[in-house]
Amino acid sequence: QEHLVESGGGLVQAGGSLRLSCVPSRSMSWFDTMGWYRQLPGEEREFVAGINRAGNILYGDNVKGRFTISRDESENTLYLQMNSLKPEDTATYYCAGRPPGRSPDDPRPPDFGQGTQVTVSS
């Protein structure tokens, strides 16, 4: 289990922006992929965005066009820029890292951080 530390959550009004940060204990280049998930109490964790070692990016349908994932290798930090926030974006956001060496159909989940709370008021 790798150590990932998120920051940047908070309370924001609808239409506002937040930027989340994630610093892993290892170099980001060690991970096959890194990304962001979110979860509401009692619900399953939802994929938000991911970036692989080659820089290919995927977004969940609910955030396309509003959220941007990026990384700064010099700072060893993964970011999630969230714009045009909606109340339904309210959740705990988790940074995730998939360790190397796993096959594409490996059922094991990625390593997750402790999460940072994002609350969007209407």
PDB file of N, CA and C in Angstrom:
ATOM      1  N   GLN A   1       0.852  -1.183   0.000  1.00  0.00           N
ATOM      2  CA  GLN A   1       0.000   0.000   0.000  1.00  0.00           C
ATOM      3  C   GLN A   1       0.892   1.239   0.000  1.00  0.00           C
ATOM      4  N   GLU A   2       0.807   1.996  -1.091  1.00  0.00           N
ATOM      5  CA  GLU A   2       1.604   3.211  -1.178  1.00  0.00           C
ATOM      6  C   GLU A   2       0.901   4.361  -0.471  1.00  0.00           C
ATOM      7  N   HIS A   3       1.702   5.354  -0.065  1.00  0.00           N
ATOM      8  CA  HIS A   3       1.190   6.495   0.688  1.00  0.00           C
ATOM      9  C   HIS A   3       0.955   7.658  -0.264  1.00  0.00           C
ATOM     10  N   LEU A   4      -0.289   8.140  -0.300  1.00  0.00           N
ATOM     11  CA  LEU A   4      -0.653   9.278  -1.136  1.00  0.00           C
ATOM     12  C   LEU A   4      -1.373  10.293  -0.264  1.00  0.00           C
ATOM     13  N   VAL A   5      -0.996  11.557  -0.383  1.00  0.00           N
ATOM     14  CA  VAL A   5      -1.560  12.603   0.476  1.00  0.00           C
ATOM     15  C   VAL A   5      -2.243  13.657  -0.376  1.00  0.00           C
ATOM     16  N   GLU A   6      -3.555  13.796  -0.152  1.00  0.00           N
ATOM     17  CA  GLU A   6      -4.341  14.790  -0.879  1.00  0.00           C
ATOM     18  C   GLU A   6      -4.464  16.069  -0.064  1.00  0.00           C
ATOM     19  N   SER A   7      -4.673  17.156  -0.779  1.00  0.00           N
ATOM     20  CA  SER A   7      -4.976  18.436  -0.141  1.00  0.00           C
ATOM     21  C   SER A   7      -5.751  19.289  -1.130  1.00  0.00           C
ATOM     22  N   GLY A   8      -6.331  20.376  -0.615  1.00  0.00           N
ATOM     23  CA  GLY A   8      -6.996  21.336  -1.489  1.00  0.00           C
ATOM     24  C   GLY A   8      -8.509  21.324  -1.436  1.00  0.00           C
ATOM     25  N   GLY A   9      -9.089  20.395  -0.711  1.00  0.00           N
ATOM     26  CA  GLY A   9     -10.533  20.381  -0.609  1.00  0.00           C
ATOM     27  C   GLY A   9     -11.051  21.551   0.200  1.00  0.00           C
ATOM     28  N   GLY A  10     -12.374  21.715   0.175  1.00  0.00           N
ATOM     29  CA  GLY A  10     -12.972  22.799   0.946  1.00  0.00           C
ATOM     30  C   GLY A  10     -14.397  23.036   0.535  1.00  0.00           C
ATOM     31  N   LEU A  11     -14.911  24.172   0.982  1.00  0.00           N
ATOM     32  CA  LEU A  11     -16.284  24.582   0.688  1.00  0.00           C
ATOM     33  C   LEU A  11     -16.252  25.665  -0.380  1.00  0.00           C
ATOM     34  N   VAL A  12     -17.064  25.497  -1.411  1.00  0.00           N
ATOM     35  CA  VAL A  12     -17.108  26.472  -2.500  1.00  0.00           C
ATOM     36  C   VAL A  12     -18.540  26.589  -2.991  1.00  0.00           C
ATOM     37  N   GLN A  13     -18.891  27.747  -3.521  1.00  0.00           N
ATOM     38  CA  GLN A  13     -20.225  27.936  -4.069  1.00  0.00           C
ATOM     39  C   GLN A  13     -20.314  27.316  -5.463  1.00  0.00           C
ATOM     40  N   ALA A  14     -21.515  26.972  -5.844  1.00  0.00           N
ATOM     41  CA  ALA A  14     -21.738  26.434  -7.186  1.00  0.00           C
ATOM     42  C   ALA A  14     -21.199  27.423  -8.227  1.00  0.00           C
ATOM     43  N   GLY A  15     -20.547  26.874  -9.243  1.00  0.00           N
ATOM     44  CA  GLY A  15     -19.915  27.707 -10.263  1.00  0.00           C
ATOM     45  C   GLY A  15     -18.476  28.050  -9.963  1.00  0.00           C
ATOM     46  N   GLY A  16     -18.039  27.773  -8.753  1.00  0.00           N
ATOM     47  CA  GLY A  16     -16.674  28.091  -8.352  1.00  0.00           C
ATOM     48  C   GLY A  16     -15.683  27.023  -8.754  1.00  0.00           C
ATOM     49  N   SER A  17     -14.449  27.225  -8.294  1.00  0.00           N
ATOM     50  CA  SER A  17     -13.351  26.333  -8.665  1.00  0.00           C
ATOM     51  C   SER A  17     -12.553  25.929  -7.437  1.00  0.00           C
ATOM     52  N   LEU A  18     -11.940  24.764  -7.534  1.00  0.00           N
ATOM     53  CA  LEU A  18     -10.979  24.287  -6.545  1.00  0.00           C
ATOM     54  C   LEU A  18      -9.896  23.513  -7.287  1.00  0.00           C
ATOM     55  N   ARG A  19      -8.722  23.469  -6.684  1.00  0.00           N
ATOM     56  CA  ARG A  19      -7.659  22.625  -7.227  1.00  0.00           C
ATOM     57  C   ARG A  19      -7.179  21.686  -6.130  1.00  0.00           C
ATOM     58  N   LEU A  20      -7.266  20.408  -6.427  1.00  0.00           N
ATOM     59  CA  LEU A  20      -6.778  19.386  -5.509  1.00  0.00           C
ATOM     60  C   LEU A  20      -5.355  18.996  -5.878  1.00  0.00           C
ATOM     61  N   SER A  21      -4.597  18.644  -4.856  1.00  0.00           N
ATOM     62  CA  SER A  21      -3.223  18.197  -5.064  1.00  0.00           C
ATOM     63  C   SER A  21      -3.025  16.840  -4.410  1.00  0.00           C
ATOM     64  N   CYS A  22      -2.105  16.081  -4.958  1.00  0.00           N
ATOM     65  CA  CYS A  22      -1.771  14.764  -4.403  1.00  0.00           C
ATOM     66  C   CYS A  22      -0.270  14.567  -4.513  1.00  0.00           C
ATOM     67  N   VAL A  23       0.341  14.260  -3.391  1.00  0.00           N
ATOM     68  CA  VAL A  23       1.770  13.974  -3.376  1.00  0.00           C
ATOM     69  C   VAL A  23       1.974  12.537  -2.928  1.00  0.00           C
ATOM     70  N   PRO A  24       2.511  11.692  -3.789  1.00  0.00           N
ATOM     71  CA  PRO A  24       2.773  10.301  -3.411  1.00  0.00           C
ATOM     72  C   PRO A  24       4.120  10.154  -2.715  1.00  0.00           C
ATOM     73  N   SER A  25       4.242   9.066  -1.970  1.00  0.00           N
ATOM     74  CA  SER A  25       5.502   8.825  -1.272  1.00  0.00           C
ATOM     75  C   SER A  25       6.595   8.407  -2.240  1.00  0.00           C
ATOM     76  N   ARG A  26       6.198   7.829  -3.361  1.00  0.00           N
ATOM     77  CA  ARG A  26       7.154   7.460  -4.397  1.00  0.00           C
ATOM     78  C   ARG A  26       7.090   8.454  -5.550  1.00  0.00           C
ATOM     79  N   SER A  27       8.028   8.370  -6.470  1.00  0.00           N
ATOM     80  CA  SER A  27       7.952   9.167  -7.683  1.00  0.00           C
ATOM     81  C   SER A  27       6.708   8.780  -8.471  1.00  0.00           C
ATOM     82  N   MET A  28       6.032   9.780  -9.034  1.00  0.00           N
ATOM     83  CA  MET A  28       4.834   9.492  -9.825  1.00  0.00           C
ATOM     84  C   MET A  28       5.149   8.564 -10.993  1.00  0.00           C
ATOM     85  N   SER A  29       6.333   8.625 -11.515  1.00  0.00           N
ATOM     86  CA  SER A  29       6.694   7.797 -12.671  1.00  0.00           C
ATOM     87  C   SER A  29       6.737   6.315 -12.320  1.00  0.00           C
ATOM     88  N   TRP A  30       6.770   5.994 -11.028  1.00  0.00           N
ATOM     89  CA  TRP A  30       6.753   4.580 -10.612  1.00  0.00           C
ATOM     90  C   TRP A  30       5.394   3.947 -10.882  1.00  0.00           C
ATOM     91  N   PHE A  31       4.328   4.740 -10.779  1.00  0.00           N
ATOM     92  CA  PHE A  31       2.981   4.215 -10.956  1.00  0.00           C
ATOM     93  C   PHE A  31       2.661   4.028 -12.432  1.00  0.00           C
ATOM     94  N   ASP A  32       1.926   2.973 -12.739  1.00  0.00           N
ATOM     95  CA  ASP A  32       1.422   2.795 -14.105  1.00  0.00           C
ATOM     96  C   ASP A  32       0.444   3.905 -14.454  1.00  0.00           C
ATOM     97  N   THR A  33      -0.464   4.156 -13.551  1.00  0.00           N
ATOM     98  CA  THR A  33      -1.432   5.229 -13.736  1.00  0.00           C
ATOM     99  C   THR A  33      -1.675   5.911 -12.400  1.00  0.00           C
ATOM    100  N   MET A  34      -2.070   7.159 -12.457  1.00  0.00           N
ATOM    101  CA  MET A  34      -2.530   7.879 -11.272  1.00  0.00           C
ATOM    102  C   MET A  34      -3.830   8.576 -11.624  1.00  0.00           C
ATOM    103  N   GLY A  35      -4.610   8.855 -10.612  1.00  0.00           N
ATOM    104  CA  GLY A  35      -5.879   9.491 -10.920  1.00  0.00           C
ATOM    105  C   GLY A  35      -6.626   9.927  -9.698  1.00  0.00           C
ATOM    106  N   TRP A  36      -7.883  10.264  -9.931  1.00  0.00           N
ATOM    107  CA  TRP A  36      -8.764  10.745  -8.878  1.00  0.00           C
ATOM    108  C   TRP A  36     -10.092   9.992  -8.924  1.00  0.00           C
ATOM    109  N   TYR A  37     -10.587   9.671  -7.742  1.00  0.00           N
ATOM    110  CA  TYR A  37     -11.897   9.078  -7.560  1.00  0.00           C
ATOM    111  C   TYR A  37     -12.647   9.931  -6.553  1.00  0.00           C
ATOM    112  N   ARG A  38     -13.958   9.747  -6.497  1.00  0.00           N
ATOM    113  CA  ARG A  38     -14.744  10.419  -5.480  1.00  0.00           C
ATOM    114  C   ARG A  38     -15.813   9.473  -4.952  1.00  0.00           C
ATOM    115  N   GLN A  39     -16.281   9.783  -3.745  1.00  0.00           N
ATOM    116  CA  GLN A  39     -17.234   8.896  -3.091  1.00  0.00           C
ATOM    117  C   GLN A  39     -18.145   9.662  -2.160  1.00  0.00           C
ATOM    118  N   LEU A  40     -19.425   9.344  -2.227  1.00  0.00           N
ATOM    119  CA  LEU A  40     -20.403   9.849  -1.277  1.00  0.00           C
ATOM    120  C   LEU A  40     -20.675   8.756  -0.248  1.00  0.00           C
ATOM    121  N   PRO A  41     -21.066   9.130   0.963  1.00  0.00           N
ATOM    122  CA  PRO A  41     -21.361   8.113   1.982  1.00  0.00           C
ATOM    123  C   PRO A  41     -22.404   7.125   1.477  1.00  0.00           C
ATOM    124  N   GLY A  42     -22.117   5.847   1.642  1.00  0.00           N
ATOM    125  CA  GLY A  42     -23.057   4.812   1.252  1.00  0.00           C
ATOM    126  C   GLY A  42     -23.049   4.480  -0.219  1.00  0.00           C
ATOM    127  N   GLU A  43     -22.191   5.152  -0.976  1.00  0.00           N
ATOM    128  CA  GLU A  43     -22.138   4.885  -2.408  1.00  0.00           C
ATOM    129  C   GLU A  43     -20.771   4.329  -2.790  1.00  0.00           C
ATOM    130  N   GLU A  44     -20.705   3.775  -3.978  1.00  0.00           N
ATOM    131  CA  GLU A  44     -19.439   3.240  -4.464  1.00  0.00           C
ATOM    132  C   GLU A  44     -18.519   4.378  -4.911  1.00  0.00           C
ATOM    133  N   ARG A  45     -17.233   4.088  -4.869  1.00  0.00           N
ATOM    134  CA  ARG A  45     -16.262   5.064  -5.333  1.00  0.00           C
ATOM    135  C   ARG A  45     -16.389   5.211  -6.849  1.00  0.00           C
ATOM    136  N   GLU A  46     -16.371   6.466  -7.306  1.00  0.00           N
ATOM    137  CA  GLU A  46     -16.595   6.778  -8.714  1.00  0.00           C
ATOM    138  C   GLU A  46     -15.309   7.300  -9.337  1.00  0.00           C
ATOM    139  N   PHE A  47     -14.982   6.812 -10.521  1.00  0.00           N
ATOM    140  CA  PHE A  47     -13.821   7.302 -11.250  1.00  0.00           C
ATOM    141  C   PHE A  47     -14.065   8.731 -11.712  1.00  0.00           C
ATOM    142  N   VAL A  48     -13.056   9.593 -11.521  1.00  0.00           N
ATOM    143  CA  VAL A  48     -13.162  10.987 -11.939  1.00  0.00           C
ATOM    144  C   VAL A  48     -12.232  11.264 -13.115  1.00  0.00           C
ATOM    145  N   ALA A  49     -10.956  10.950 -12.944  1.00  0.00           N
ATOM    146  CA  ALA A  49      -9.972  11.228 -13.993  1.00  0.00           C
ATOM    147  C   ALA A  49      -8.731  10.403 -13.741  1.00  0.00           C
ATOM    148  N   GLY A  50      -8.014  10.088 -14.819  1.00  0.00           N
ATOM    149  CA  GLY A  50      -6.790   9.317 -14.686  1.00  0.00           C
ATOM    150  C   GLY A  50      -5.797   9.679 -15.765  1.00  0.00           C
ATOM    151  N   ILE A  51      -4.519   9.482 -15.457  1.00  0.00           N
ATOM    152  CA  ILE A  51      -3.443   9.741 -16.409  1.00  0.00           C
ATOM    153  C   ILE A  51      -2.430   8.619 -16.273  1.00  0.00           C
ATOM    154  N   ASN A  52      -1.997   8.077 -17.418  1.00  0.00           N
ATOM    155  CA  ASN A  52      -1.018   6.997 -17.324  1.00  0.00           C
ATOM    156  C   ASN A  52       0.394   7.535 -17.525  1.00  0.00           C
ATOM    157  N   ARG A  53       1.346   6.621 -17.460  1.00  0.00           N
ATOM    158  CA  ARG A  53       2.743   7.028 -17.514  1.00  0.00           C
ATOM    159  C   ARG A  53       3.065   7.746 -18.820  1.00  0.00           C
ATOM    160  N   ALA A  54       2.378   7.380 -19.899  1.00  0.00           N
ATOM    161  CA  ALA A  54       2.618   8.003 -21.200  1.00  0.00           C
ATOM    162  C   ALA A  54       1.933   9.349 -21.348  1.00  0.00           C
ATOM    163  N   GLY A  55       1.084   9.689 -20.383  1.00  0.00           N
ATOM    164  CA  GLY A  55       0.391  10.969 -20.444  1.00  0.00           C
ATOM    165  C   GLY A  55      -1.002  10.901 -21.038  1.00  0.00           C
ATOM    166  N   ASN A  56      -1.489   9.703 -21.324  1.00  0.00           N
ATOM    167  CA  ASN A  56      -2.848   9.572 -21.830  1.00  0.00           C
ATOM    168  C   ASN A  56      -3.841   9.804 -20.694  1.00  0.00           C
ATOM    169  N   ILE A  57      -4.912  10.527 -21.003  1.00  0.00           N
ATOM    170  CA  ILE A  57      -5.853  10.983 -19.971  1.00  0.00           C
ATOM    171  C   ILE A  57      -7.262  10.488 -20.271  1.00  0.00           C
ATOM    172  N   LEU A  58      -7.952  10.111 -19.212  1.00  0.00           N
ATOM    173  CA  LEU A  58      -9.365   9.751 -19.292  1.00  0.00           C
ATOM    174  C   LEU A  58     -10.121  10.538 -18.232  1.00  0.00           C
ATOM    175  N   TYR A  59     -11.380  10.859 -18.550  1.00  0.00           N
ATOM    176  CA  TYR A  59     -12.263  11.530 -17.599  1.00  0.00           C
ATOM    177  C   TYR A  59     -13.568  10.768 -17.458  1.00  0.00           C
ATOM    178  N   GLY A  60     -14.133  10.830 -16.270  1.00  0.00           N
ATOM    179  CA  GLY A  60     -15.470  10.321 -16.086  1.00  0.00           C
ATOM    180  C   GLY A  60     -16.466  11.215 -16.813  1.00  0.00           C
ATOM    181  N   ASP A  61     -17.563  10.627 -17.251  1.00  0.00           N
ATOM    182  CA  ASP A  61     -18.538  11.387 -18.034  1.00  0.00           C
ATOM    183  C   ASP A  61     -19.085  12.581 -17.262  1.00  0.00           C
ATOM    184  N   ASN A  62     -19.192  12.472 -15.956  1.00  0.00           N
ATOM    185  CA  ASN A  62     -19.789  13.537 -15.155  1.00  0.00           C
ATOM    186  C   ASN A  62     -18.915  14.770 -15.012  1.00  0.00           C
ATOM    187  N   VAL A  63     -17.642  14.669 -15.400  1.00  0.00           N
ATOM    188  CA  VAL A  63     -16.748  15.809 -15.174  1.00  0.00           C
ATOM    189  C   VAL A  63     -16.089  16.310 -16.450  1.00  0.00           C
ATOM    190  N   LYS A  64     -16.347  15.652 -17.577  1.00  0.00           N
ATOM    191  CA  LYS A  64     -15.714  16.061 -18.834  1.00  0.00           C
ATOM    192  C   LYS A  64     -16.029  17.513 -19.149  1.00  0.00           C
ATOM    193  N   GLY A  65     -15.003  18.243 -19.530  1.00  0.00           N
ATOM    194  CA  GLY A  65     -15.177  19.645 -19.890  1.00  0.00           C
ATOM    195  C   GLY A  65     -15.117  20.591 -18.710  1.00  0.00           C
ATOM    196  N   ARG A  66     -15.134  20.048 -17.492  1.00  0.00           N
ATOM    197  CA  ARG A  66     -15.096  20.910 -16.303  1.00  0.00           C
ATOM    198  C   ARG A  66     -13.849  20.662 -15.450  1.00  0.00           C
ATOM    199  N   PHE A  67     -13.399  19.440 -15.406  1.00  0.00           N
ATOM    200  CA  PHE A  67     -12.237  19.076 -14.588  1.00  0.00           C
ATOM    201  C   PHE A  67     -11.037  18.800 -15.483  1.00  0.00           C
ATOM    202  N   THR A  68      -9.860  19.101 -14.967  1.00  0.00           N
ATOM    203  CA  THR A  68      -8.624  18.844 -15.704  1.00  0.00           C
ATOM    204  C   THR A  68      -7.610  18.190 -14.775  1.00  0.00           C
ATOM    205  N   ILE A  69      -7.106  17.043 -15.187  1.00  0.00           N
ATOM    206  CA  ILE A  69      -6.051  16.378 -14.432  1.00  0.00           C
ATOM    207  C   ILE A  69      -4.703  16.749 -15.042  1.00  0.00           C
ATOM    208  N   SER A  70      -3.734  16.949 -14.175  1.00  0.00           N
ATOM    209  CA  SER A  70      -2.397  17.278 -14.661  1.00  0.00           C
ATOM    210  C   SER A  70      -1.381  16.833 -13.623  1.00  0.00           C
ATOM    211  N   ARG A  71      -0.114  16.883 -14.002  1.00  0.00           N
ATOM    212  CA  ARG A  71       0.935  16.506 -13.066  1.00  0.00           C
ATOM    213  C   ARG A  71       2.140  17.395 -13.277  1.00  0.00           C
ATOM    214  N   ASP A  72       2.859  17.618 -12.203  1.00  0.00           N
ATOM    215  CA  ASP A  72       4.098  18.383 -12.243  1.00  0.00           C
ATOM    216  C   ASP A  72       5.181  17.433 -11.747  1.00  0.00           C
ATOM    217  N   GLU A  73       5.968  16.912 -12.646  1.00  0.00           N
ATOM    218  CA  GLU A  73       6.961  15.915 -12.250  1.00  0.00           C
ATOM    219  C   GLU A  73       8.068  16.528 -11.409  1.00  0.00           C
ATOM    220  N   SER A  74       8.362  17.806 -11.625  1.00  0.00           N
ATOM    221  CA  SER A  74       9.406  18.445 -10.817  1.00  0.00           C
ATOM    222  C   SER A  74       8.977  18.582  -9.364  1.00  0.00           C
ATOM    223  N   GLU A  75       7.665  18.707  -9.142  1.00  0.00           N
ATOM    224  CA  GLU A  75       7.127  18.794  -7.787  1.00  0.00           C
ATOM    225  C   GLU A  75       6.594  17.452  -7.298  1.00  0.00           C
ATOM    226  N   ASN A  76       6.627  16.449  -8.174  1.00  0.00           N
ATOM    227  CA  ASN A  76       6.066  15.127  -7.860  1.00  0.00           C
ATOM    228  C   ASN A  76       4.640  15.257  -7.322  1.00  0.00           C
ATOM    229  N   THR A  77       3.826  16.028  -8.037  1.00  0.00           N
ATOM    230  CA  THR A  77       2.475  16.322  -7.572  1.00  0.00           C
ATOM    231  C   THR A  77       1.474  16.109  -8.694  1.00  0.00           C
ATOM    232  N   LEU A  78       0.374  15.479  -8.341  1.00  0.00           N
ATOM    233  CA  LEU A  78      -0.751  15.288  -9.248  1.00  0.00           C
ATOM    234  C   LEU A  78      -1.822  16.303  -8.874  1.00  0.00           C
ATOM    235  N   TYR A  79      -2.458  16.882  -9.879  1.00  0.00           N
ATOM    236  CA  TYR A  79      -3.471  17.909  -9.635  1.00  0.00           C
ATOM    237  C   TYR A  79      -4.813  17.516 -10.245  1.00  0.00           C
ATOM    238  N   LEU A  80      -5.855  18.093  -9.686  1.00  0.00           N
ATOM    239  CA  LEU A  80      -7.174  18.045 -10.299  1.00  0.00           C
ATOM    240  C   LEU A  80      -7.757  19.444 -10.208  1.00  0.00           C
ATOM    241  N   GLN A  81      -7.813  20.119 -11.335  1.00  0.00           N
ATOM    242  CA  GLN A  81      -8.441  21.445 -11.411  1.00  0.00           C
ATOM    243  C   GLN A  81      -9.923  21.241 -11.670  1.00  0.00           C
ATOM    244  N   MET A  82     -10.743  21.748 -10.776  1.00  0.00           N
ATOM    245  CA  MET A  82     -12.184  21.569 -10.876  1.00  0.00           C
ATOM    246  C   MET A  82     -12.838  22.924 -11.070  1.00  0.00           C
ATOM    247  N   ASN A  83     -13.455  23.107 -12.211  1.00  0.00           N
ATOM    248  CA  ASN A  83     -14.146  24.356 -12.542  1.00  0.00           C
ATOM    249  C   ASN A  83     -15.635  24.109 -12.693  1.00  0.00           C
ATOM    250  N   SER A  84     -16.399  25.186 -12.673  1.00  0.00           N
ATOM    251  CA  SER A  84     -17.854  25.095 -12.840  1.00  0.00           C
ATOM    252  C   SER A  84     -18.443  24.038 -11.914  1.00  0.00           C
ATOM    253  N   LEU A  85     -18.049  24.090 -10.666  1.00  0.00           N
ATOM    254  CA  LEU A  85     -18.482  23.073  -9.720  1.00  0.00           C
ATOM    255  C   LEU A  85     -19.986  23.125  -9.481  1.00  0.00           C
ATOM    256  N   LYS A  86     -20.551  21.943  -9.281  1.00  0.00           N
ATOM    257  CA  LYS A  86     -21.985  21.790  -9.047  1.00  0.00           C
ATOM    258  C   LYS A  86     -22.194  21.138  -7.676  1.00  0.00           C
ATOM    259  N   PRO A  87     -23.352  21.333  -7.077  1.00  0.00           N
ATOM    260  CA  PRO A  87     -23.614  20.669  -5.793  1.00  0.00           C
ATOM    261  C   PRO A  87     -23.429  19.153  -5.874  1.00  0.00           C
ATOM    262  N   GLU A  88     -23.726  18.566  -7.007  1.00  0.00           N
ATOM    263  CA  GLU A  88     -23.577  17.113  -7.140  1.00  0.00           C
ATOM    264  C   GLU A  88     -22.120  16.660  -7.219  1.00  0.00           C
ATOM    265  N   ASP A  89     -21.187  17.604  -7.276  1.00  0.00           N
ATOM    266  CA  ASP A  89     -19.765  17.260  -7.194  1.00  0.00           C
ATOM    267  C   ASP A  89     -19.316  17.081  -5.741  1.00  0.00           C
ATOM    268  N   THR A  90     -20.200  17.407  -4.809  1.00  0.00           N
ATOM    269  CA  THR A  90     -19.868  17.241  -3.400  1.00  0.00           C
ATOM    270  C   THR A  90     -19.559  15.783  -3.089  1.00  0.00           C
ATOM    271  N   ALA A  91     -18.374  15.540  -2.525  1.00  0.00           N
ATOM    272  CA  ALA A  91     -17.929  14.171  -2.236  1.00  0.00           C
ATOM    273  C   ALA A  91     -16.569  14.241  -1.557  1.00  0.00           C
ATOM    274  N   THR A  92     -16.119  13.089  -1.105  1.00  0.00           N
ATOM    275  CA  THR A  92     -14.735  12.949  -0.691  1.00  0.00           C
ATOM    276  C   THR A  92     -13.942  12.507  -1.911  1.00  0.00           C
ATOM    277  N   TYR A  93     -12.888  13.245  -2.196  1.00  0.00           N
ATOM    278  CA  TYR A  93     -12.065  12.969  -3.375  1.00  0.00           C
ATOM    279  C   TYR A  93     -10.791  12.256  -2.940  1.00  0.00           C
ATOM    280  N   TYR A  94     -10.486  11.189  -3.668  1.00  0.00           N
ATOM    281  CA  TYR A  94      -9.338  10.352  -3.344  1.00  0.00           C
ATOM    282  C   TYR A  94      -8.339  10.337  -4.490  1.00  0.00           C
ATOM    283  N   CYS A  95      -7.091  10.509  -4.140  1.00  0.00           N
ATOM    284  CA  CYS A  95      -6.013  10.291  -5.099  1.00  0.00           C
ATOM    285  C   CYS A  95      -5.755   8.787  -5.181  1.00  0.00           C
ATOM    286  N   ALA A  96      -5.430   8.305  -6.365  1.00  0.00           N
ATOM    287  CA  ALA A  96      -5.207   6.878  -6.564  1.00  0.00           C
ATOM    288  C   ALA A  96      -3.957   6.652  -7.391  1.00  0.00           C
ATOM    289  N   GLY A  97      -3.264   5.580  -7.070  1.00  0.00           N
ATOM    290  CA  GLY A  97      -2.096   5.191  -7.845  1.00  0.00           C
ATOM    291  C   GLY A  97      -2.104   3.690  -8.074  1.00  0.00           C
ATOM    292  N   ARG A  98      -1.957   3.299  -9.321  1.00  0.00           N
ATOM    293  CA  ARG A  98      -1.929   1.869  -9.650  1.00  0.00           C
ATOM    294  C   ARG A  98      -0.476   1.433  -9.750  1.00  0.00           C
ATOM    295  N   PRO A  99      -0.061   0.543  -8.865  1.00  0.00           N
ATOM    296  CA  PRO A  99       1.341   0.091  -8.895  1.00  0.00           C
ATOM    297  C   PRO A  99       1.669  -0.612 -10.210  1.00  0.00           C
ATOM    298  N   PRO A 100       2.923  -0.654 -10.573  1.00  0.00           N
ATOM    299  CA  PRO A 100       3.313  -1.318 -11.818  1.00  0.00           C
ATOM    300  C   PRO A 100       3.223  -2.827 -11.692  1.00  0.00           C
ATOM    301  N   GLY A 101       3.219  -3.497 -12.861  1.00  0.00           N
ATOM    302  CA  GLY A 101       3.283  -4.944 -12.903  1.00  0.00           C
ATOM    303  C   GLY A 101       1.949  -5.651 -12.854  1.00  0.00           C
ATOM    304  N   ARG A 102       0.870  -4.914 -12.834  1.00  0.00           N
ATOM    305  CA  ARG A 102      -0.445  -5.564 -12.808  1.00  0.00           C
ATOM    306  C   ARG A 102      -0.977  -5.688 -14.222  1.00  0.00           C
ATOM    307  N   SER A 103      -1.609  -6.816 -14.499  1.00  0.00           N
ATOM    308  CA  SER A 103      -2.213  -7.005 -15.808  1.00  0.00           C
ATOM    309  C   SER A 103      -3.462  -6.137 -15.926  1.00  0.00           C
ATOM    310  N   PRO A 104      -3.919  -5.867 -17.152  1.00  0.00           N
ATOM    311  CA  PRO A 104      -5.107  -5.009 -17.316  1.00  0.00           C
ATOM    312  C   PRO A 104      -6.355  -5.535 -16.622  1.00  0.00           C
ATOM    313  N   ASP A 105      -6.461  -6.879 -16.475  1.00  0.00           N
ATOM    314  CA  ASP A 105      -7.659  -7.428 -15.841  1.00  0.00           C
ATOM    315  C   ASP A 105      -7.441  -7.742 -14.365  1.00  0.00           C
ATOM    316  N   ASP A 106      -6.394  -7.226 -13.791  1.00  0.00           N
ATOM    317  CA  ASP A 106      -6.162  -7.438 -12.361  1.00  0.00           C
ATOM    318  C   ASP A 106      -7.274  -6.770 -11.558  1.00  0.00           C
ATOM    319  N   PRO A 107      -7.986  -7.535 -10.714  1.00  0.00           N
ATOM    320  CA  PRO A 107      -9.148  -6.966 -10.006  1.00  0.00           C
ATOM    321  C   PRO A 107      -8.778  -6.088  -8.805  1.00  0.00           C
ATOM    322  N   ARG A 108      -7.528  -6.097  -8.417  1.00  0.00           N
ATOM    323  CA  ARG A 108      -7.169  -5.324  -7.228  1.00  0.00           C
ATOM    324  C   ARG A 108      -7.342  -3.827  -7.473  1.00  0.00           C
ATOM    325  N   PRO A 109      -7.909  -3.116  -6.515  1.00  0.00           N
ATOM    326  CA  PRO A 109      -8.081  -1.664  -6.693  1.00  0.00           C
ATOM    327  C   PRO A 109      -6.739  -0.964  -6.586  1.00  0.00           C
ATOM    328  N   PRO A 110      -6.646   0.276  -7.047  1.00  0.00           N
ATOM    329  CA  PRO A 110      -5.413   1.038  -6.869  1.00  0.00           C
ATOM    330  C   PRO A 110      -5.223   1.381  -5.399  1.00  0.00           C
ATOM    331  N   ASP A 111      -4.065   1.893  -5.073  1.00  0.00           N
ATOM    332  CA  ASP A 111      -3.834   2.430  -3.740  1.00  0.00           C
ATOM    333  C   ASP A 111      -4.494   3.799  -3.654  1.00  0.00           C
ATOM    334  N   PHE A 112      -5.129   4.050  -2.523  1.00  0.00           N
ATOM    335  CA  PHE A 112      -5.824   5.317  -2.334  1.00  0.00           C
ATOM    336  C   PHE A 112      -5.227   6.100  -1.175  1.00  0.00           C
ATOM    337  N   GLY A 113      -5.351   7.440  -1.273  1.00  0.00           N
ATOM    338  CA  GLY A 113      -5.025   8.289  -0.139  1.00  0.00           C
ATOM    339  C   GLY A 113      -6.177   8.322   0.846  1.00  0.00           C
ATOM    340  N   GLN A 114      -6.061   9.195   1.827  1.00  0.00           N
ATOM    341  CA  GLN A 114      -7.093   9.280   2.863  1.00  0.00           C
ATOM    342  C   GLN A 114      -8.290  10.116   2.425  1.00  0.00           C
ATOM    343  N   GLY A 115      -8.137  10.882   1.380  1.00  0.00           N
ATOM    344  CA  GLY A 115      -9.251  11.657   0.856  1.00  0.00           C
ATOM    345  C   GLY A 115      -9.280  13.094   1.355  1.00  0.00           C
ATOM    346  N   THR A 116      -9.895  13.940   0.547  1.00  0.00           N
ATOM    347  CA  THR A 116     -10.114  15.339   0.919  1.00  0.00           C
ATOM    348  C   THR A 116     -11.551  15.697   0.562  1.00  0.00           C
ATOM    349  N   GLN A 117     -12.222  16.389   1.466  1.00  0.00           N
ATOM    350  CA  GLN A 117     -13.638  16.674   1.288  1.00  0.00           C
ATOM    351  C   GLN A 117     -13.835  17.906   0.418  1.00  0.00           C
ATOM    352  N   VAL A 118     -14.734  17.769  -0.553  1.00  0.00           N
ATOM    353  CA  VAL A 118     -15.153  18.895  -1.390  1.00  0.00           C
ATOM    354  C   VAL A 118     -16.654  19.071  -1.203  1.00  0.00           C
ATOM    355  N   THR A 119     -17.046  20.265  -0.812  1.00  0.00           N
ATOM    356  CA  THR A 119     -18.452  20.568  -0.616  1.00  0.00           C
ATOM    357  C   THR A 119     -18.823  21.771  -1.471  1.00  0.00           C
ATOM    358  N   VAL A 120     -19.839  21.581  -2.321  1.00  0.00           N
ATOM    359  CA  VAL A 120     -20.294  22.648  -3.210  1.00  0.00           C
ATOM    360  C   VAL A 120     -21.693  23.066  -2.792  1.00  0.00           C
ATOM    361  N   SER A 121     -21.828  24.307  -2.393  1.00  0.00           N
ATOM    362  CA  SER A 121     -23.126  24.804  -1.939  1.00  0.00           C
ATOM    363  C   SER A 121     -23.894  25.410  -3.109  1.00  0.00           C
ATOM    364  N   SER A 122     -25.199  25.297  -3.032  1.00  0.00           N
ATOM    365  CA  SER A 122     -26.044  25.823  -4.120  1.00  0.00           C
ATOM    366  C   SER A 122     -26.406  27.273  -3.886  1.00  0.00           C
TER     367      SER A 122
END
